[in-house]
Amino acid sequence: MRRTNFTFPVSTLAGSTVGNLIQLLRRYKAERKYYFKASLSILVAAVFSPFNWIEKFIWNRRIENFQMKAPPLFIIGFNRSGTTLLQNLLCQDPKAGYTTTLHTVFPHCVLSQKWWMSPLINLLVPDKRPFDNVSMDMNFPQEEEFAMTNLQPFSVYNFFVFPAEFDRFVDGDYFTGSLPAKDLARWKYDYRRLVVKSLLNTRGVRYISKNPQNIPRVDILRELYPGAGFIFIYRDPYVVVESFYHFILAIFTGIQLQTVPAGFSRKNVARFYSIAMKHYLGMRSNPGSPFIYEVKMEDFVTDPIAGLNHIYTELGLGGYAESVPLFKAYLSENSHSPRNQAYDIHEDTIRFVNQYASEIVLQFGYPLREEPRR
């Protein structure tokens, strides 16, 4: 029987290496109340070290010599904008390759150890995500940014583990291109290997990425993968900020090594959203920017099959006709996924979105909401 709570004795960084964990803990201190959790995470990482070495010995040459047969497709919409639904649908295509949930947690040994780890861990994690009731499974598609936190220390998503440093991560680690040359080279190396291992693991031809944190990395990804396609999916900014705020709070409880500061609020989330969207809109207006196919979430969910047809046509992807029955089967089995969820938008969300992102609201074609009178 699958568990239902989202609290674990270790951090998700337990799937990292001991060296990466220690480097992070030196930079961002775990609080005393989480010392046992941090120590247990290091112990788990140490226990898995031999498995990591085995995988590298068996698979390294094949990974290094791997030749991609199709350029990747990157979904770069902001968190809670419909990226999960879009990725899950696109990954129904028989030629799709993707990073699995198991891969994000144990990226160093997923190829050699998934045969026993997937079924075991599925017994230890909830079968539904606590924040939106979407089905969870170790072999389902997942956001590869979580894997990057276990491969190297430069990821904005480390704020899930160290919530007291939320703004520090947003300001310091969000723009990967600003890393020192040595650190950027390491990031590129680890990302390339992650994509290759994802294709080998799922036996896919085209890598389908869903990663909101790739918004400021488009130039890096174009350098790594000439010919790559990009999809930007967007949604009502008020809904996005409200939903992401609740999402973050739900994740904190499961993996944090710091107490969520009393001052953490929707303001932090609205500010992060504005930083990401201002970068995207600036990039979009640049004459040298790549073609990015834009999808409005509220329109897409009214007819996902038609929306997918437009995506395949606009981006020149083959295999649409053979994938349609699989798309329809997924939608039938996951009838909750395409609904446009209704959220009660907190007055703080309205205030902070208007403060930080009012121009973004208008540029995406949504009306500004009035702040409640006090």
Protein backbone atom coordinates (compact mmCIF):
# COMPACT_ATOMS: atom_id res chain seq x y z
CA MET A 1 0.00 0.00 0.00
CA ARG A 2 1.37 3.39 -1.03
CA ARG A 3 1.93 6.01 1.66
CA THR A 4 0.05 9.29 1.54
CA ASN A 5 2.23 11.81 3.39
CA PHE A 6 5.07 13.77 1.83
CA THR A 7 7.58 13.79 4.69
CA PHE A 8 10.78 11.75 4.55
CA PRO A 9 13.63 11.00 6.98
CA VAL A 10 16.20 12.20 4.43
CA SER A 11 16.50 15.10 2.03
CA THR A 12 16.21 14.52 -1.72
CA LEU A 13 19.93 15.37 -1.77
CA ALA A 14 20.51 11.85 -0.45
CA GLY A 15 20.72 10.84 -4.10
CA SER A 16 23.65 13.18 -4.61
CA THR A 17 27.31 12.45 -3.96
CA VAL A 18 28.89 12.93 -0.56
CA GLY A 19 31.11 15.64 -2.05
CA ASN A 20 28.21 17.61 -3.54
CA LEU A 21 26.24 17.34 -0.30
CA ILE A 22 29.12 18.56 1.82
CA GLN A 23 29.78 21.44 -0.58
CA LEU A 24 26.15 22.55 -0.29
CA LEU A 25 26.11 22.18 3.50
CA ARG A 26 29.21 24.36 3.73
CA ARG A 27 27.59 27.08 1.69
CA TYR A 28 24.09 26.84 3.18
CA LYS A 29 24.02 25.65 6.77
CA ALA A 30 21.50 23.09 7.95
CA GLU A 31 19.78 24.11 11.18
CA ARG A 32 20.46 22.12 14.33
CA LYS A 33 16.98 20.56 14.36
CA TYR A 34 17.76 19.06 10.93
CA TYR A 35 21.25 17.74 11.74
CA PHE A 36 20.03 14.15 11.93
CA LYS A 37 18.24 14.47 8.58
CA ALA A 38 21.34 15.99 6.97
CA SER A 39 23.61 13.33 8.50
CA LEU A 40 21.30 10.54 7.34
CA SER A 41 21.27 12.05 3.85
CA ILE A 42 25.09 11.98 3.76
CA LEU A 43 25.05 8.38 4.99
CA VAL A 44 22.62 7.32 2.26
CA ALA A 45 24.78 9.10 -0.34
CA ALA A 46 27.82 7.23 0.97
CA VAL A 47 25.98 3.87 0.88
CA PHE A 48 25.07 4.46 -2.76
CA SER A 49 28.60 5.46 -3.78
CA PRO A 50 29.53 1.91 -4.90
CA PHE A 51 26.42 1.79 -7.10
CA ASN A 52 27.47 5.10 -8.63
CA TRP A 53 30.93 3.71 -9.40
CA ILE A 54 29.43 0.56 -10.92
CA GLU A 55 27.21 2.60 -13.20
CA LYS A 56 30.07 4.80 -14.33
CA PHE A 57 32.25 1.75 -15.05
CA ILE A 58 29.53 -0.02 -17.05
CA TRP A 59 27.92 2.90 -18.86
CA ASN A 60 30.49 5.68 -19.17
CA ARG A 61 31.85 4.79 -22.62
CA ARG A 62 28.36 4.39 -24.05
CA ILE A 63 27.29 7.73 -22.57
CA GLU A 64 30.37 9.53 -23.89
CA ASN A 65 29.92 8.08 -27.41
CA PHE A 66 26.15 8.57 -27.61
CA GLN A 67 24.87 10.35 -30.71
CA MET A 68 21.48 12.06 -30.54
CA LYS A 69 19.15 11.23 -33.44
CA ALA A 70 16.82 14.20 -32.98
CA PRO A 71 17.17 17.63 -31.35
CA PRO A 72 15.50 18.00 -27.94
CA LEU A 73 12.26 19.81 -27.23
CA PHE A 74 12.29 22.17 -24.25
CA ILE A 75 9.15 23.23 -22.37
CA ILE A 76 10.15 26.42 -20.56
CA GLY A 77 6.94 27.82 -19.07
CA PHE A 78 7.11 29.01 -15.47
CA ASN A 79 6.15 26.65 -12.65
CA ARG A 80 2.43 25.88 -12.32
CA SER A 81 1.66 27.16 -15.83
CA GLY A 82 0.65 23.78 -17.25
CA THR A 83 4.13 22.41 -17.91
CA THR A 84 3.43 19.03 -16.26
CA LEU A 85 0.33 18.33 -18.33
CA LEU A 86 2.10 19.35 -21.53
CA GLN A 87 5.15 17.20 -20.82
CA ASN A 88 3.09 14.19 -19.80
CA LEU A 89 1.13 14.40 -23.04
CA LEU A 90 4.17 14.88 -25.28
CA CYS A 91 5.88 11.96 -23.55
CA GLN A 92 3.09 9.64 -24.72
CA ASP A 93 4.75 9.83 -28.14
CA PRO A 94 6.56 6.47 -28.62
CA LYS A 95 9.71 8.31 -29.69
CA ALA A 96 9.84 10.54 -26.61
CA GLY A 97 12.65 10.30 -24.10
CA TYR A 98 12.53 12.00 -20.72
CA THR A 99 14.00 12.22 -17.25
CA THR A 100 12.08 10.00 -14.85
CA THR A 101 11.34 10.78 -11.21
CA LEU A 102 13.76 8.04 -10.11
CA HIS A 103 16.42 9.62 -12.33
CA THR A 104 16.01 12.99 -10.62
CA VAL A 105 16.54 11.45 -7.17
CA PHE A 106 19.34 9.02 -8.08
CA PRO A 107 20.93 10.40 -11.26
CA HIS A 108 24.24 8.61 -10.66
CA CYS A 109 22.92 5.04 -10.71
CA VAL A 110 19.52 5.08 -12.42
CA LEU A 111 20.59 3.00 -15.43
CA SER A 112 22.05 0.09 -13.51
CA GLN A 113 19.85 0.02 -10.39
CA LYS A 114 16.36 1.02 -11.54
CA TRP A 115 15.26 -2.63 -11.74
CA TRP A 116 14.97 -2.83 -7.96
CA MET A 117 14.90 0.83 -6.90
CA SER A 118 11.77 1.87 -8.82
CA PRO A 119 9.38 -0.68 -7.27
CA LEU A 120 10.86 -0.25 -3.80
CA ILE A 121 10.73 3.55 -3.76
CA ASN A 122 7.21 3.53 -5.21
CA LEU A 123 6.16 1.84 -1.96
CA LEU A 124 7.75 4.66 0.04
CA VAL A 125 6.33 7.70 -1.74
CA PRO A 126 2.74 8.91 -2.17
CA ASP A 127 0.88 7.82 -5.30
CA LYS A 128 -0.45 11.37 -5.70
CA ARG A 129 1.31 14.70 -5.47
CA PRO A 130 -0.03 16.37 -2.31
CA PHE A 131 -0.33 19.80 -3.90
CA ASP A 132 -2.41 18.97 -7.00
CA ASN A 133 -3.38 15.27 -6.83
CA VAL A 134 -1.45 14.37 -10.00
CA SER A 135 -0.31 10.73 -10.11
CA MET A 136 3.25 10.00 -9.01
CA ASP A 137 5.48 7.11 -10.04
CA MET A 138 9.24 6.66 -10.17
CA ASN A 139 9.06 5.95 -13.90
CA PHE A 140 6.88 8.93 -14.86
CA PRO A 141 8.36 12.03 -16.57
CA GLN A 142 9.81 14.58 -14.19
CA GLU A 143 11.47 17.97 -14.23
CA GLU A 144 15.19 17.45 -14.75
CA GLU A 145 16.14 20.44 -12.60
CA PHE A 146 15.62 18.23 -9.54
CA ALA A 147 18.28 15.89 -10.94
CA MET A 148 20.65 18.81 -11.46
CA THR A 149 20.51 19.58 -7.72
CA ASN A 150 21.97 16.10 -7.15
CA LEU A 151 24.64 16.47 -9.82
CA GLN A 152 26.18 19.85 -8.94
CA PRO A 153 25.57 22.69 -6.48
CA PHE A 154 24.35 25.41 -8.87
CA SER A 155 20.57 25.24 -8.97
CA VAL A 156 17.88 27.66 -7.86
CA TYR A 157 15.90 24.63 -6.66
CA ASN A 158 18.19 24.29 -3.69
CA PHE A 159 15.77 26.73 -2.08
CA PHE A 160 13.49 23.75 -1.45
CA VAL A 161 16.14 22.31 0.88
CA PHE A 162 17.38 25.64 2.24
CA PRO A 163 14.24 27.83 2.33
CA ALA A 164 15.85 30.51 4.49
CA GLU A 165 18.07 31.25 1.47
CA PHE A 166 15.17 31.56 -1.04
CA ASP A 167 15.98 35.03 -2.35
CA ARG A 168 19.71 34.28 -2.32
CA PHE A 169 19.16 31.35 -4.69
CA VAL A 170 16.86 33.36 -6.94
CA ASP A 171 19.37 36.20 -7.18
CA GLY A 172 22.53 34.09 -7.29
CA ASP A 173 21.83 30.78 -9.04
CA TYR A 174 18.92 31.43 -11.40
CA PHE A 175 21.03 32.83 -14.23
CA THR A 176 23.31 29.90 -15.01
CA GLY A 177 25.07 31.85 -17.74
CA SER A 178 26.51 34.17 -15.09
CA LEU A 179 28.42 31.36 -13.37
CA PRO A 180 32.24 31.46 -13.43
CA ALA A 181 33.59 29.75 -16.55
CA LYS A 182 34.71 26.65 -14.65
CA ASP A 183 31.35 26.19 -12.95
CA LEU A 184 29.45 26.81 -16.19
CA ALA A 185 31.55 24.17 -17.96
CA ARG A 186 30.71 21.72 -15.20
CA TRP A 187 27.01 22.55 -15.50
CA LYS A 188 27.08 21.92 -19.27
CA TYR A 189 28.94 18.63 -18.82
CA ASP A 190 26.50 17.36 -16.21
CA TYR A 191 23.48 18.49 -18.22
CA ARG A 192 24.67 16.74 -21.38
CA ARG A 193 25.17 13.49 -19.49
CA LEU A 194 21.78 13.87 -17.85
CA VAL A 195 20.05 14.15 -21.22
CA VAL A 196 21.95 11.17 -22.65
CA LYS A 197 21.18 9.01 -19.64
CA SER A 198 17.52 10.01 -19.90
CA LEU A 199 17.37 8.83 -23.50
CA LEU A 200 19.15 5.58 -22.67
CA ASN A 201 16.93 5.01 -19.65
CA THR A 202 13.64 5.54 -21.51
CA ARG A 203 14.89 4.34 -24.91
CA GLY A 204 13.67 7.53 -26.49
CA VAL A 205 14.71 9.29 -29.67
CA ARG A 206 13.76 12.89 -28.89
CA TYR A 207 14.36 14.29 -25.40
CA ILE A 208 11.34 16.11 -23.97
CA SER A 209 12.40 18.53 -21.25
CA LYS A 210 10.07 20.27 -18.82
CA ASN A 211 12.10 22.74 -16.83
CA PRO A 212 10.89 26.22 -15.87
CA GLN A 213 14.43 27.02 -14.75
CA ASN A 214 15.59 26.78 -18.37
CA ILE A 215 13.96 30.13 -19.17
CA PRO A 216 17.26 32.04 -18.74
CA ARG A 217 19.27 29.18 -20.31
CA VAL A 218 17.87 29.29 -23.83
CA ASP A 219 21.16 30.54 -25.31
CA ILE A 220 23.10 27.83 -23.45
CA LEU A 221 20.68 25.14 -24.66
CA ARG A 222 20.89 26.39 -28.26
CA GLU A 223 24.67 26.13 -28.03
CA LEU A 224 24.47 22.58 -26.65
CA TYR A 225 21.67 21.44 -28.98
CA PRO A 226 21.50 23.25 -32.34
CA GLY A 227 18.05 22.83 -33.85
CA ALA A 228 16.32 22.35 -30.50
CA GLY A 229 12.66 23.33 -30.24
CA PHE A 230 11.18 25.52 -27.51
CA ILE A 231 7.66 25.77 -26.12
CA PHE A 232 6.60 28.49 -23.70
CA ILE A 233 3.32 27.78 -21.93
CA TYR A 234 1.79 30.55 -19.86
CA ARG A 235 -1.18 31.05 -17.57
CA ASP A 236 -2.95 33.77 -15.59
CA PRO A 237 -0.09 35.25 -13.49
CA TYR A 238 -2.29 35.56 -10.40
CA VAL A 239 -3.14 31.85 -10.59
CA VAL A 240 0.51 30.94 -11.22
CA VAL A 241 1.83 32.85 -8.21
CA GLU A 242 -0.90 31.60 -5.88
CA SER A 243 -0.43 28.00 -7.03
CA PHE A 244 3.38 28.10 -6.90
CA TYR A 245 3.27 29.54 -3.39
CA HIS A 246 1.23 26.56 -2.17
CA PHE A 247 3.41 24.17 -4.17
CA ILE A 248 6.57 25.47 -2.52
CA LEU A 249 5.11 25.20 0.97
CA ALA A 250 4.07 21.59 0.27
CA ILE A 251 7.57 20.65 -0.91
CA PHE A 252 9.35 22.38 1.98
CA THR A 253 7.85 20.04 4.58
CA GLY A 254 9.24 16.95 2.89
CA ILE A 255 12.87 17.85 2.26
CA GLN A 256 13.87 21.04 4.11
CA LEU A 257 17.07 21.38 6.15
CA GLN A 258 16.18 24.87 7.30
CA THR A 259 13.05 26.31 8.89
CA VAL A 260 10.86 28.30 6.53
CA PRO A 261 11.40 31.91 7.63
CA ALA A 262 8.45 33.72 9.13
CA GLY A 263 8.83 36.41 6.49
CA PHE A 264 8.47 34.03 3.54
CA SER A 265 5.34 35.01 1.67
CA ARG A 266 3.69 35.41 -1.67
CA LYS A 267 5.92 38.45 -2.13
CA ASN A 268 8.96 36.18 -2.59
CA VAL A 269 7.11 34.15 -5.20
CA ALA A 270 5.74 37.15 -7.09
CA ARG A 271 9.21 38.67 -7.20
CA PHE A 272 10.71 35.42 -8.54
CA TYR A 273 7.96 35.21 -11.16
CA SER A 274 8.60 38.77 -12.28
CA ILE A 275 12.35 38.13 -12.64
CA ALA A 276 11.72 35.09 -14.82
CA MET A 277 9.00 36.66 -16.97
CA LYS A 278 10.84 39.93 -17.51
CA HIS A 279 13.79 37.92 -18.76
CA TYR A 280 11.57 35.88 -21.07
CA LEU A 281 9.77 38.89 -22.49
CA GLY A 282 13.08 40.69 -23.01
CA MET A 283 14.48 37.66 -24.80
CA ARG A 284 11.34 37.35 -26.94
CA SER A 285 11.69 40.94 -28.11
CA ASN A 286 15.33 40.44 -29.08
CA PRO A 287 15.73 40.25 -32.90
CA GLY A 288 18.19 37.37 -32.47
CA SER A 289 15.94 35.26 -30.28
CA PRO A 290 14.99 31.75 -31.42
CA PHE A 291 11.50 30.73 -32.47
CA ILE A 292 9.56 29.83 -29.34
CA TYR A 293 6.08 28.41 -29.78
CA GLU A 294 3.77 29.96 -27.22
CA VAL A 295 0.81 28.14 -25.68
CA LYS A 296 -1.88 29.74 -23.52
CA MET A 297 -2.81 27.20 -20.87
CA GLU A 298 -6.47 28.26 -20.66
CA ASP A 299 -6.85 27.71 -24.43
CA PHE A 300 -4.85 24.48 -24.52
CA VAL A 301 -6.98 22.67 -21.93
CA THR A 302 -10.18 23.32 -23.87
CA ASP A 303 -8.91 21.05 -26.66
CA PRO A 304 -5.54 19.43 -25.89
CA ILE A 305 -5.56 17.25 -29.01
CA ALA A 306 -5.92 20.27 -31.30
CA GLY A 307 -3.27 22.05 -29.25
CA LEU A 308 -0.85 19.16 -29.71
CA ASN A 309 -1.55 19.14 -33.44
CA HIS A 310 -0.52 22.80 -33.63
CA ILE A 311 2.65 22.10 -31.65
CA TYR A 312 3.68 19.23 -33.93
CA THR A 313 2.93 21.32 -37.02
CA GLU A 314 4.63 24.53 -35.91
CA LEU A 315 7.76 22.78 -34.63
CA GLY A 316 7.99 20.27 -37.48
CA LEU A 317 7.75 17.20 -35.26
CA GLY A 318 6.94 13.91 -36.90
CA GLY A 319 4.77 11.12 -35.55
CA TYR A 320 1.65 13.06 -34.59
CA ALA A 321 -0.89 10.69 -36.20
CA GLU A 322 0.49 7.58 -34.49
CA SER A 323 0.57 9.38 -31.14
CA VAL A 324 -3.02 10.64 -31.14
CA PRO A 325 -4.52 7.42 -29.70
CA LEU A 326 -1.93 7.56 -26.91
CA PHE A 327 -2.71 11.21 -26.20
CA LYS A 328 -6.42 10.42 -25.97
CA ALA A 329 -5.79 7.42 -23.73
CA TYR A 330 -3.75 9.54 -21.33
CA LEU A 331 -6.43 12.22 -21.19
CA SER A 332 -9.10 9.59 -20.59
CA GLU A 333 -7.15 8.00 -17.74
CA ASN A 334 -6.17 11.35 -16.23
CA SER A 335 -9.36 13.32 -16.61
CA HIS A 336 -8.35 15.68 -13.80
CA SER A 337 -5.25 16.90 -15.58
CA PRO A 338 -6.59 19.31 -18.23
CA ARG A 339 -9.07 21.11 -16.05
CA ASN A 340 -8.48 24.79 -15.46
CA GLN A 341 -8.30 24.58 -11.69
CA ALA A 342 -10.11 27.28 -9.78
CA TYR A 343 -8.06 29.04 -7.13
CA ASP A 344 -9.11 31.48 -4.47
CA ILE A 345 -6.58 34.20 -5.13
CA HIS A 346 -5.35 35.68 -1.86
CA GLU A 347 -5.37 39.46 -1.62
CA ASP A 348 -1.61 39.40 -1.00
CA THR A 349 -1.11 37.64 -4.32
CA ILE A 350 -3.09 40.34 -6.10
CA ARG A 351 -1.14 43.08 -4.36
CA PHE A 352 2.30 41.60 -5.02
CA VAL A 353 1.59 40.57 -8.62
CA ASN A 354 0.37 44.10 -9.28
CA GLN A 355 3.48 45.47 -7.58
CA TYR A 356 6.04 43.30 -9.37
CA ALA A 357 4.36 42.06 -12.55
CA SER A 358 1.48 44.32 -13.64
CA GLU A 359 3.07 44.92 -17.05
CA ILE A 360 3.57 41.18 -17.46
CA VAL A 361 -0.11 40.54 -16.74
CA LEU A 362 -1.07 42.95 -19.51
CA GLN A 363 1.53 41.69 -21.99
CA PHE A 364 0.15 38.17 -21.65
CA GLY A 365 -3.35 39.50 -22.29
CA TYR A 366 -4.90 39.12 -18.85
CA PRO A 367 -6.83 41.82 -17.00
CA LEU A 368 -5.36 43.45 -13.93
CA ARG A 369 -7.21 42.50 -10.77
CA GLU A 370 -8.21 45.13 -8.27
CA GLU A 371 -6.80 44.83 -4.79
CA PRO A 372 -9.46 44.42 -2.11
CA ARG A 373 -10.11 47.55 -0.13
CA ARG A 374 -9.05 47.44 3.48
